[in-house]
Amino acid sequence: MKTIYILLLLLLIVGFSSAQTIEVGTDSLSYYESNYQYLKAINFINKVYSKNIPPDIANRKAILLEKVGKNKEAGNIYSEIYGEDSLSIANGINLALSLTKQKQYIEAQNLYEKLYRIDSSNFYLNSNLALLYHKNKKTYKAIKIYIKNHELDSTDITTTINIAKLFLQKEHSGSSAHWASKGLALEPNNVELLYIMSKAKYMQKDYPKATLYLDNLLSLGDTAKKYIILKGKLSFEQAKYNSEKYIDVIRWFSKVADPMNETEVIHYYLGISYHELGEEKKSIKHLSRAIELGISSYVPIYLEKIAYSYISEKNYQKAINTWEKLNLLSPNIKYDYYIANITYTYLNDKKLAISRYETVMRKDKSKATKYYADSYIKIQQLKKKLHLEGKL
C-alpha cells in the first residue's frame, strides 16, 4: 500500500513539474508566445506533447501555426478539436474562421449556418455568417442576419450601416434610406451613413434631399472621390433646369479627373457639360475618351452626343462619319435619316441626299414611320430643284 502511495505522489509531482515547465521560465510556452517566437513555441509543444495533446494546448498550437502562415495545418487541428465537441460554438467558430482564411468560403458558410441553428443569439457568429453570405453573393440572406443582429443590439452602428449599404447595392433605395435614417439618429455626422442616404435619395430622384445630405457630409471635410462624383451628378441634374449649373458640374468632375486613374463616368459628364456650354472641342475630347474607357452598352449614347457636337462645330463630314460608325454598332434607320438630312441641309449635295433618303425608304420595311414619309417628301423636293436647275 505504501508503495502505491509513493508512486501516485511521484506522478503528481511529475505532472505539476511538467505544467510548470510549460508556463514558467525562459524555456516555456508562455515565454515563447509572449516574445513572438512562434516557431520555437510550436517546437516546444511538439516536444512536450508527442501525442494526446490537451484541447487548450492544441488550440494554442493552431493559433501559432496561423501566425507563421500554416493555415491548413491549423485548420486540421481546429477540425479535430471541433470533432471532439461539435456542440461547442467556440470550437465551431474557430474552425469556420480557419476555413475562411483558407478561402473555403462555402464550407465556412455551411458551418456557420449549423452553428447559427444551435445559437442564433451569438452576435459575433452572426456577423461572420452575414459577411460570408455577402461574399458568396447571398445578399438578402446577409441582410436577414444583420437585421437579427440589430434586434440583439440596436445601438451597433456597423450593423445598421451594413443593412443600409446592402439594400442600396440591391437598389432598394427606400429600405436603404430607412436604415440609414436609423443610423443617423444614433450618429448624425456618420460620413458613411450620410453618403448612403444621399445616394438613396439620388436614386429616388429626390435631388434636393440628396444634395442636403451630401453637403452635410462635405462640410465635415471628407472629400473622397465617390463623394465628389455624386456631387457632380447632382449638379448635373440641377443643370437640366439651369444651364449655368453645367459650370459646377465641370468644376466638381475636374477635381477628380486624374490622368493616372481615369473613369468613363467622369469623361461622360464632362463631355455632356461642355457640349451644353457650347465648348464642342472639349466635349468631343471627353466623350471620345469615355468611349475608349467605357462599357460598350453606353457607346451609342456617347457617339450621338459627339455627332451633335460636330454639327455644332459645323464639321458636317465628321458628324456623318460618326453617325455611320453608330449605325454599324447599333443599326437604326434614324441614323440613315440623320445622314441624309445633313447631306441635304448642310452639304447641299442634292443627288447624294436623294440616294441617302432612298436608303432610308428601302430599309423601312413598314413604310409607316416618320422617317419614311419625310424621306419621300424630301426626295420629291430635291428632284423638283434638280429639274429646275436642269440637272435631272
Protein backbone atom coordinates (compact mmCIF):
# COMPACT_ATOMS: atom_id res chain seq x y z
CA MET A 1 0.00 0.00 0.00
CA LYS A 2 2.84 2.35 0.88
CA THR A 3 4.46 1.63 -2.49
CA ILE A 4 1.29 2.62 -4.38
CA TYR A 5 1.05 5.86 -2.38
CA ILE A 6 4.63 6.78 -3.27
CA LEU A 7 4.03 6.10 -6.99
CA LEU A 8 0.92 8.30 -7.04
CA LEU A 9 2.82 11.07 -5.31
CA LEU A 10 5.62 10.86 -7.88
CA LEU A 11 3.13 11.05 -10.73
CA LEU A 12 1.57 14.18 -9.21
CA ILE A 13 4.99 15.78 -8.81
CA VAL A 14 5.94 14.98 -12.43
CA GLY A 15 2.62 16.33 -13.70
CA PHE A 16 2.98 19.53 -11.68
CA SER A 17 6.56 19.92 -12.84
CA SER A 18 5.52 19.46 -16.48
CA ALA A 19 2.80 22.12 -16.16
CA GLN A 20 5.28 24.48 -14.54
CA THR A 21 7.76 23.86 -17.36
CA ILE A 22 5.13 24.72 -19.99
CA GLU A 23 4.13 28.06 -18.46
CA VAL A 24 7.11 29.26 -16.40
CA GLY A 25 10.70 30.19 -17.22
CA THR A 26 12.61 31.21 -20.34
CA ASP A 27 12.19 27.73 -21.79
CA SER A 28 8.40 27.71 -21.64
CA LEU A 29 5.42 28.00 -23.97
CA SER A 30 4.20 31.29 -22.47
CA TYR A 31 7.65 32.83 -22.82
CA TYR A 32 7.94 31.93 -26.50
CA GLU A 33 4.40 33.12 -27.24
CA SER A 34 4.82 36.48 -25.48
CA ASN A 35 8.16 37.08 -27.23
CA TYR A 36 6.79 36.29 -30.72
CA GLN A 37 9.00 33.22 -31.07
CA TYR A 38 6.22 31.24 -32.70
CA LEU A 39 8.31 28.50 -34.32
CA LYS A 40 10.06 27.81 -31.01
CA ALA A 41 6.66 27.71 -29.30
CA ILE A 42 5.40 25.15 -31.85
CA ASN A 43 8.52 23.02 -31.45
CA PHE A 44 8.16 23.24 -27.70
CA ILE A 45 4.59 21.90 -27.84
CA ASN A 46 5.66 19.10 -30.19
CA LYS A 47 8.45 18.13 -27.77
CA VAL A 48 6.30 18.12 -24.63
CA TYR A 49 3.20 16.60 -26.25
CA SER A 50 4.17 13.99 -28.80
CA LYS A 51 0.61 12.64 -28.54
CA ASN A 52 -2.62 13.13 -26.56
CA ILE A 53 -2.30 16.91 -26.67
CA PRO A 54 -4.90 18.61 -24.41
CA PRO A 55 -7.57 20.68 -26.27
CA ASP A 56 -6.43 24.02 -24.81
CA ILE A 57 -2.81 23.40 -25.86
CA ALA A 58 -3.96 22.14 -29.28
CA ASN A 59 -5.89 25.37 -29.74
CA ARG A 60 -2.81 27.42 -28.87
CA LYS A 61 -0.77 25.39 -31.33
CA ALA A 62 -3.31 26.09 -34.09
CA ILE A 63 -3.12 29.82 -33.36
CA LEU A 64 0.68 29.66 -33.56
CA LEU A 65 0.53 27.79 -36.86
CA GLU A 66 -1.70 30.52 -38.30
CA LYS A 67 0.77 33.16 -37.18
CA VAL A 68 3.51 31.50 -39.24
CA GLY A 69 1.21 31.11 -42.27
CA LYS A 70 0.44 27.40 -41.90
CA ASN A 71 -3.32 27.81 -42.19
CA LYS A 72 -4.03 24.33 -43.49
CA GLU A 73 -2.21 22.62 -40.60
CA ALA A 74 -4.02 24.91 -38.18
CA GLY A 75 -7.31 24.02 -39.83
CA ASN A 76 -6.66 20.31 -39.33
CA ILE A 77 -6.18 20.91 -35.60
CA TYR A 78 -9.33 23.06 -35.33
CA SER A 79 -11.21 20.30 -37.16
CA GLU A 80 -10.01 17.68 -34.67
CA ILE A 81 -10.96 19.84 -31.70
CA TYR A 82 -14.41 20.57 -33.16
CA GLY A 83 -14.88 16.88 -33.98
CA GLU A 84 -14.49 16.03 -30.29
CA ASP A 85 -17.17 18.56 -29.29
CA SER A 86 -19.38 19.57 -32.21
CA LEU A 87 -21.84 21.39 -29.93
CA SER A 88 -19.20 23.91 -28.88
CA ILE A 89 -19.90 27.26 -30.55
CA ALA A 90 -16.38 28.49 -29.77
CA ASN A 91 -14.73 25.45 -31.37
CA GLY A 92 -17.02 25.75 -34.38
CA ILE A 93 -16.25 29.45 -34.86
CA ASN A 94 -12.51 28.74 -34.67
CA LEU A 95 -12.84 26.13 -37.42
CA ALA A 96 -15.07 28.40 -39.54
CA LEU A 97 -12.56 31.25 -39.24
CA SER A 98 -9.80 28.86 -40.29
CA LEU A 99 -11.80 27.72 -43.33
CA THR A 100 -12.33 31.39 -44.27
CA LYS A 101 -8.58 32.03 -44.07
CA GLN A 102 -8.09 29.07 -46.40
CA LYS A 103 -10.65 30.66 -48.78
CA GLN A 104 -13.02 27.73 -48.33
CA TYR A 105 -15.95 30.15 -48.16
CA ILE A 106 -18.81 27.74 -48.89
CA GLU A 107 -17.54 25.24 -46.28
CA ALA A 108 -17.18 28.07 -43.75
CA GLN A 109 -20.68 29.33 -44.57
CA ASN A 110 -22.18 25.84 -44.11
CA LEU A 111 -20.51 25.51 -40.72
CA TYR A 112 -21.69 28.93 -39.57
CA GLU A 113 -25.24 28.00 -40.64
CA LYS A 114 -25.01 24.86 -38.48
CA LEU A 115 -23.78 26.90 -35.52
CA TYR A 116 -26.49 29.53 -36.13
CA ARG A 117 -29.14 26.81 -35.81
CA ILE A 118 -27.69 25.95 -32.40
CA ASP A 119 -27.41 29.56 -31.18
CA SER A 120 -28.76 32.49 -33.21
CA SER A 121 -28.07 34.95 -30.38
CA ASN A 122 -24.27 34.96 -30.85
CA PHE A 123 -23.58 38.42 -32.29
CA TYR A 124 -20.04 37.60 -33.44
CA LEU A 125 -21.12 34.35 -35.11
CA ASN A 126 -23.96 36.15 -36.89
CA SER A 127 -21.66 38.92 -38.14
CA ASN A 128 -19.26 36.39 -39.65
CA LEU A 129 -22.12 34.47 -41.29
CA ALA A 130 -23.51 37.69 -42.80
CA LEU A 131 -20.08 38.60 -44.18
CA LEU A 132 -19.81 35.19 -45.85
CA TYR A 133 -23.33 35.42 -47.27
CA HIS A 134 -22.33 38.73 -48.83
CA LYS A 135 -19.06 37.30 -50.17
CA ASN A 136 -20.95 34.31 -51.60
CA LYS A 137 -23.45 36.69 -53.29
CA LYS A 138 -26.36 35.80 -51.00
CA THR A 139 -27.16 39.42 -50.25
CA TYR A 140 -30.71 39.01 -48.94
CA LYS A 141 -29.60 36.28 -46.52
CA ALA A 142 -26.84 38.61 -45.32
CA ILE A 143 -29.42 41.36 -44.74
CA LYS A 144 -31.63 38.95 -42.77
CA ILE A 145 -28.75 38.03 -40.43
CA TYR A 146 -27.73 41.67 -39.95
CA ILE A 147 -31.34 42.51 -39.05
CA LYS A 148 -31.21 39.70 -36.47
CA ASN A 149 -28.07 41.31 -35.04
CA HIS A 150 -29.88 44.67 -34.96
CA GLU A 151 -32.53 43.00 -32.81
CA LEU A 152 -29.77 41.80 -30.49
CA ASP A 153 -28.10 45.24 -30.31
CA SER A 154 -29.90 48.16 -31.91
CA THR A 155 -27.08 50.54 -30.95
CA ASP A 156 -24.41 48.81 -33.05
CA ILE A 157 -23.79 51.33 -35.83
CA THR A 158 -21.76 48.94 -38.01
CA THR A 159 -24.73 46.58 -38.30
CA THR A 160 -27.05 49.42 -39.31
CA ILE A 161 -24.55 50.66 -41.90
CA ASN A 162 -24.23 47.17 -43.38
CA ILE A 163 -28.01 46.78 -43.72
CA ALA A 164 -28.37 50.19 -45.40
CA LYS A 165 -25.40 49.54 -47.67
CA LEU A 166 -26.63 46.11 -48.83
CA PHE A 167 -30.13 47.42 -49.55
CA LEU A 168 -28.51 50.20 -51.61
CA GLN A 169 -26.44 47.63 -53.55
CA LYS A 170 -29.67 45.83 -54.46
CA GLU A 171 -31.16 49.22 -55.49
CA HIS A 172 -33.83 49.16 -52.77
CA SER A 173 -33.42 52.86 -52.14
CA GLY A 174 -36.42 53.14 -49.82
CA SER A 175 -35.23 50.40 -47.47
CA SER A 176 -31.69 51.76 -47.65
CA ALA A 177 -32.85 55.24 -46.67
CA HIS A 178 -34.96 53.77 -43.84
CA TRP A 179 -31.97 52.04 -42.26
CA ALA A 180 -29.62 54.93 -42.91
CA SER A 181 -32.10 57.16 -41.08
CA LYS A 182 -31.99 54.81 -38.08
CA GLY A 183 -28.21 55.04 -38.06
CA LEU A 184 -28.17 58.83 -38.41
CA ALA A 185 -30.45 59.07 -35.37
CA LEU A 186 -27.57 57.49 -33.43
CA GLU A 187 -24.68 59.24 -35.23
CA PRO A 188 -25.85 62.34 -37.16
CA ASN A 189 -22.36 63.02 -38.55
CA ASN A 190 -21.55 59.49 -39.68
CA VAL A 191 -19.95 60.05 -43.09
CA GLU A 192 -20.82 56.63 -44.48
CA LEU A 193 -24.48 56.92 -43.49
CA LEU A 194 -24.74 60.44 -44.93
CA TYR A 195 -23.35 59.13 -48.22
CA ILE A 196 -25.74 56.14 -48.27
CA MET A 197 -28.69 58.45 -47.55
CA SER A 198 -27.62 60.88 -50.28
CA LYS A 199 -27.16 58.05 -52.78
CA ALA A 200 -30.57 56.57 -51.89
CA LYS A 201 -32.27 59.94 -52.36
CA TYR A 202 -30.42 60.38 -55.66
CA MET A 203 -31.78 57.00 -56.84
CA GLN A 204 -35.28 58.16 -55.82
CA LYS A 205 -34.71 61.37 -57.86
CA ASP A 206 -35.18 63.41 -54.71
CA TYR A 207 -32.26 65.64 -55.67
CA PRO A 208 -32.81 68.44 -53.10
CA LYS A 209 -32.62 65.99 -50.17
CA ALA A 210 -29.74 64.10 -51.77
CA THR A 211 -27.89 67.42 -52.05
CA LEU A 212 -28.70 68.32 -48.45
CA TYR A 213 -27.22 65.09 -47.04
CA LEU A 214 -24.19 65.25 -49.31
CA ASP A 215 -23.49 68.88 -48.45
CA ASN A 216 -23.62 67.93 -44.75
CA LEU A 217 -21.08 65.21 -45.47
CA LEU A 218 -18.75 67.50 -47.42
CA SER A 219 -18.95 70.15 -44.68
CA LEU A 220 -17.24 67.62 -42.39
CA GLY A 221 -14.15 67.90 -44.57
CA ASP A 222 -14.23 64.49 -46.23
CA THR A 223 -13.52 64.77 -49.97
CA ALA A 224 -13.37 61.13 -51.06
CA LYS A 225 -13.62 60.62 -54.82
CA LYS A 226 -17.01 58.90 -54.70
CA TYR A 227 -18.49 61.86 -52.77
CA ILE A 228 -17.23 64.36 -55.34
CA ILE A 229 -18.59 62.23 -58.20
CA LEU A 230 -22.02 62.12 -56.58
CA LYS A 231 -21.89 65.90 -56.07
CA GLY A 232 -21.09 66.28 -59.76
CA LYS A 233 -24.04 64.08 -60.72
CA LEU A 234 -26.38 66.10 -58.50
CA SER A 235 -25.13 69.34 -60.08
CA PHE A 236 -25.78 67.76 -63.50
CA GLU A 237 -29.42 67.10 -62.57
CA GLN A 238 -29.81 70.72 -61.43
CA ALA A 239 -28.20 71.93 -64.68
CA LYS A 240 -31.10 70.46 -66.66
CA TYR A 241 -33.18 73.35 -65.30
CA ASN A 242 -30.41 75.93 -65.05
CA SER A 243 -27.73 75.70 -67.73
CA GLU A 244 -25.33 77.80 -65.68
CA LYS A 245 -25.03 74.81 -63.32
CA TYR A 246 -23.02 72.96 -66.01
CA ILE A 247 -20.09 75.10 -64.85
CA ASP A 248 -20.50 73.49 -61.40
CA VAL A 249 -20.62 70.03 -62.99
CA ILE A 250 -17.31 70.70 -64.74
CA ARG A 251 -15.82 72.11 -61.54
CA TRP A 252 -16.71 69.05 -59.47
CA PHE A 253 -15.69 66.44 -62.01
CA SER A 254 -12.47 68.28 -62.81
CA LYS A 255 -11.48 67.81 -59.15
CA VAL A 256 -11.38 64.02 -59.63
CA ALA A 257 -10.22 63.85 -63.28
CA ASP A 258 -6.99 62.01 -62.53
CA PRO A 259 -4.98 61.13 -65.70
CA MET A 260 -3.49 58.17 -63.81
CA ASN A 261 -6.89 56.79 -62.81
CA GLU A 262 -9.41 57.73 -65.48
CA THR A 263 -13.03 56.59 -65.47
CA GLU A 264 -15.69 56.60 -68.15
CA VAL A 265 -18.22 58.34 -65.86
CA ILE A 266 -16.07 61.42 -65.30
CA HIS A 267 -15.36 61.91 -69.02
CA TYR A 268 -19.03 61.36 -69.89
CA TYR A 269 -20.30 64.11 -67.58
CA LEU A 270 -17.52 66.49 -68.61
CA GLY A 271 -18.27 65.80 -72.28
CA ILE A 272 -22.02 66.44 -71.93
CA SER A 273 -21.48 69.57 -69.83
CA TYR A 274 -19.02 71.08 -72.29
CA HIS A 275 -21.49 70.31 -75.11
CA GLU A 276 -24.28 72.13 -73.26
CA LEU A 277 -21.98 75.13 -72.76
CA GLY A 278 -21.09 75.15 -76.46
CA GLU A 279 -17.46 74.11 -75.99
CA GLU A 280 -17.61 71.39 -78.64
CA LYS A 281 -13.90 70.61 -78.98
CA LYS A 282 -13.67 69.82 -75.27
CA SER A 283 -16.92 67.91 -75.46
CA ILE A 284 -15.67 65.70 -78.29
CA LYS A 285 -12.37 65.12 -76.47
CA HIS A 286 -14.05 63.88 -73.28
CA LEU A 287 -16.79 61.85 -74.97
CA SER A 288 -14.23 60.16 -77.21
CA ARG A 289 -12.20 59.28 -74.12
CA ALA A 290 -15.35 57.95 -72.44
CA ILE A 291 -15.81 55.61 -75.40
CA GLU A 292 -12.23 54.39 -75.10
CA LEU A 293 -12.69 53.69 -71.39
CA GLY A 294 -16.35 52.81 -71.32
CA ILE A 295 -18.70 49.86 -71.33
CA SER A 296 -19.98 49.08 -74.83
CA SER A 297 -23.66 49.49 -73.90
CA TYR A 298 -23.10 53.23 -73.38
CA VAL A 299 -21.13 53.85 -76.56
CA PRO A 300 -24.19 54.67 -78.74
CA ILE A 301 -25.18 57.45 -76.31
CA TYR A 302 -21.69 58.93 -76.43
CA LEU A 303 -21.48 58.73 -80.22
CA GLU A 304 -24.81 60.54 -80.61
CA LYS A 305 -23.54 63.38 -78.43
CA ILE A 306 -20.30 63.52 -80.40
CA ALA A 307 -22.21 63.69 -83.68
CA TYR A 308 -24.28 66.63 -82.41
CA SER A 309 -21.10 68.33 -81.21
CA TYR A 310 -19.59 68.02 -84.69
CA ILE A 311 -22.75 69.58 -86.17
CA SER A 312 -22.49 72.47 -83.69
CA GLU A 313 -18.89 72.89 -84.85
CA LYS A 314 -20.07 72.79 -88.49
CA ASN A 315 -17.83 69.80 -89.09
CA TYR A 316 -20.54 68.01 -91.06
CA GLN A 317 -18.46 65.27 -92.63
CA LYS A 318 -17.19 64.15 -89.22
CA ALA A 319 -20.78 64.19 -87.96
CA ILE A 320 -21.74 61.88 -90.88
CA ASN A 321 -18.77 59.61 -90.14
CA THR A 322 -19.89 59.37 -86.51
CA TRP A 323 -23.48 58.52 -87.47
CA GLU A 324 -22.14 55.85 -89.84
CA LYS A 325 -19.99 54.37 -87.08
CA LEU A 326 -23.02 54.38 -84.79
CA ASN A 327 -25.15 52.74 -87.49
CA LEU A 328 -22.65 49.88 -87.75
CA LEU A 329 -22.60 49.46 -83.99
CA SER A 330 -26.34 49.74 -83.45
CA PRO A 331 -28.25 49.70 -86.79
CA ASN A 332 -31.23 52.04 -86.90
CA ILE A 333 -32.89 53.81 -89.85
CA LYS A 334 -32.97 57.05 -87.87
CA TYR A 335 -29.19 57.23 -88.27
CA ASP A 336 -29.54 56.82 -92.05
CA TYR A 337 -32.12 59.60 -91.92
CA TYR A 338 -29.79 61.91 -89.95
CA ILE A 339 -27.02 61.28 -92.51
CA ALA A 340 -29.39 62.10 -95.37
CA ASN A 341 -30.56 65.27 -93.60
CA ILE A 342 -27.00 66.52 -93.06
CA THR A 343 -26.21 65.81 -96.69
CA TYR A 344 -29.29 67.78 -97.80
CA THR A 345 -29.24 70.64 -95.26
CA TYR A 346 -25.55 71.32 -94.79
CA LEU A 347 -23.62 69.73 -97.65
CA ASN A 348 -26.15 70.75 -100.29
CA ASP A 349 -25.35 67.62 -102.32
CA LYS A 350 -28.81 67.01 -103.76
CA LYS A 351 -28.09 63.83 -105.72
CA LEU A 352 -26.27 62.20 -102.80
CA ALA A 353 -29.06 63.32 -100.48
CA ILE A 354 -31.66 61.65 -102.74
CA SER A 355 -29.63 58.45 -102.71
CA ARG A 356 -29.45 58.52 -98.91
CA TYR A 357 -33.15 59.25 -98.48
CA GLU A 358 -33.86 56.31 -100.79
CA THR A 359 -31.74 54.15 -98.47
CA VAL A 360 -34.00 55.18 -95.59
CA MET A 361 -37.12 54.23 -97.54
CA ARG A 362 -35.61 50.92 -98.64
CA LYS A 363 -34.67 49.95 -95.10
CA ASP A 364 -38.03 50.96 -93.63
CA LYS A 365 -39.99 47.82 -94.39
CA SER A 366 -43.09 49.02 -92.53
CA LYS A 367 -43.33 52.17 -94.67
CA ALA A 368 -45.14 53.72 -91.70
CA THR A 369 -42.51 55.72 -89.81
CA LYS A 370 -41.97 59.47 -89.92
CA TYR A 371 -38.55 58.76 -91.48
CA TYR A 372 -40.16 57.03 -94.46
CA ALA A 373 -42.77 59.76 -95.01
CA ASP A 374 -40.32 62.62 -94.61
CA SER A 375 -37.76 60.93 -96.88
CA TYR A 376 -40.39 60.57 -99.58
CA ILE A 377 -41.28 64.29 -99.33
CA LYS A 378 -37.61 65.34 -99.33
CA ILE A 379 -36.88 63.24 -102.41
CA GLN A 380 -39.72 64.95 -104.30
CA GLN A 381 -38.47 68.38 -103.23
CA LEU A 382 -34.91 67.58 -104.27
CA LYS A 383 -35.95 66.18 -107.63
CA LYS A 384 -38.00 69.30 -108.29
CA LYS A 385 -34.99 71.52 -107.50
CA LEU A 386 -32.70 69.44 -109.71
CA HIS A 387 -35.26 69.63 -112.52
CA LEU A 388 -35.44 73.41 -112.25
CA GLU A 389 -31.64 73.56 -112.25
CA GLY A 390 -31.59 71.34 -115.35
CA LYS A 391 -29.55 68.71 -113.55
CA LEU A 392 -32.04 65.88 -113.53
